[in-house]
Amino acid sequence: MKKISLMYLFLFCLLFTNCGDPCDEGYKQVNINGQDICLPEYLSGELPNLKLGQEFYHEKFGLIVHKNNNWFNFNGELLSQKELDLE
């Protein structure tokens, strides 16, 4: 009886626990308008791979967007390269 109880407890924990970050390495889970999505992380000093899309996650600014060779925050405000690369 004790083994069955432990087995049920184990299965319950397995079913109802989060297995960690759902995003691959180099991506960050971000909640935008109630939806969780994985965005590629912006890495200071490196050119982003724009084949991944135009939206990236920045540690300080959160969601940033690359348009027409410029970076913008979620509110559409222009960000300088200097601002982005400051840690």
Protein backbone atom coordinates (compact mmCIF):
# COMPACT_ATOMS: atom_id res chain seq x y z
CA MET A 1 0.00 0.00 0.00
CA LYS A 2 2.85 2.39 0.84
CA LYS A 3 4.50 1.76 -2.55
CA ILE A 4 1.26 2.56 -4.39
CA SER A 5 0.82 5.80 -2.42
CA LEU A 6 4.38 6.85 -3.23
CA MET A 7 3.85 6.00 -6.88
CA TYR A 8 0.70 8.15 -7.03
CA LEU A 9 2.50 11.00 -5.30
CA PHE A 10 5.37 10.74 -7.78
CA LEU A 11 2.99 10.72 -10.78
CA PHE A 12 1.05 13.68 -9.37
CA CYS A 13 4.25 15.69 -8.95
CA LEU A 14 5.44 14.70 -12.40
CA LEU A 15 2.21 15.78 -14.05
CA PHE A 16 1.82 19.11 -12.28
CA THR A 17 5.33 20.50 -12.16
CA ASN A 18 6.95 22.72 -14.72
CA CYS A 19 9.90 21.05 -16.37
CA GLY A 20 11.86 24.30 -16.55
CA ASP A 21 12.21 26.91 -19.23
CA PRO A 22 10.24 25.92 -22.35
CA CYS A 23 12.56 27.95 -24.58
CA ASP A 24 15.72 26.70 -26.24
CA GLU A 25 19.11 28.05 -25.21
CA GLY A 26 19.59 31.61 -26.47
CA TYR A 27 15.89 32.36 -26.21
CA LYS A 28 13.89 34.00 -23.43
CA GLN A 29 10.24 33.37 -22.52
CA VAL A 30 8.33 36.66 -22.64
CA ASN A 31 4.66 37.33 -21.91
CA ILE A 32 3.21 39.72 -24.49
CA ASN A 33 -0.48 40.58 -24.24
CA GLY A 34 -1.13 37.46 -22.16
CA GLN A 35 0.68 35.09 -24.53
CA ASP A 36 3.99 33.42 -23.64
CA ILE A 37 6.43 33.34 -26.55
CA CYS A 38 10.13 32.56 -26.89
CA LEU A 39 12.22 35.40 -28.31
CA PRO A 40 15.88 35.24 -29.32
CA GLU A 41 18.06 37.09 -26.81
CA TYR A 42 19.87 40.25 -27.91
CA LEU A 43 23.57 39.81 -27.21
CA SER A 44 25.63 42.97 -26.71
CA GLY A 45 28.40 43.46 -29.22
CA GLU A 46 27.10 40.81 -31.62
CA LEU A 47 25.17 41.31 -34.81
CA PRO A 48 21.77 39.68 -34.40
CA ASN A 49 20.66 36.95 -36.75
CA LEU A 50 17.75 38.73 -38.46
CA LYS A 51 16.70 35.44 -40.02
CA LEU A 52 15.23 34.70 -36.58
CA GLY A 53 12.86 37.64 -37.01
CA GLN A 54 12.87 41.28 -36.03
CA GLU A 55 11.87 40.92 -32.38
CA PHE A 56 14.44 40.17 -29.68
CA TYR A 57 14.61 40.12 -25.90
CA HIS A 58 16.94 42.63 -24.22
CA GLU A 59 17.85 42.22 -20.55
CA LYS A 60 17.16 45.89 -19.73
CA PHE A 61 14.49 46.91 -22.27
CA GLY A 62 12.54 43.67 -22.64
CA LEU A 63 11.07 43.34 -26.13
CA ILE A 64 13.02 45.27 -28.76
CA VAL A 65 12.29 45.44 -32.48
CA HIS A 66 14.69 45.93 -35.40
CA LYS A 67 13.21 48.05 -38.22
CA ASN A 68 15.02 49.89 -41.02
CA ASN A 69 18.45 49.41 -39.37
CA ASN A 70 17.19 50.93 -36.11
CA TRP A 71 16.20 49.43 -32.76
CA PHE A 72 12.95 50.35 -31.01
CA ASN A 73 11.52 49.41 -27.61
CA PHE A 74 8.01 48.01 -27.12
CA ASN A 75 6.58 51.56 -27.04
CA GLY A 76 8.15 52.44 -30.40
CA GLU A 77 10.87 54.70 -28.94
CA LEU A 78 14.19 54.71 -30.81
CA LEU A 79 17.09 53.07 -28.94
CA SER A 80 20.73 53.86 -29.67
CA GLN A 81 23.34 51.16 -30.10
CA LYS A 82 25.11 52.65 -27.08
CA GLU A 83 21.99 52.17 -24.91
CA LEU A 84 21.61 48.57 -26.09
CA ASP A 85 25.22 47.62 -25.41
CA LEU A 86 25.37 49.05 -21.88
CA GLU A 87 25.27 46.29 -19.31
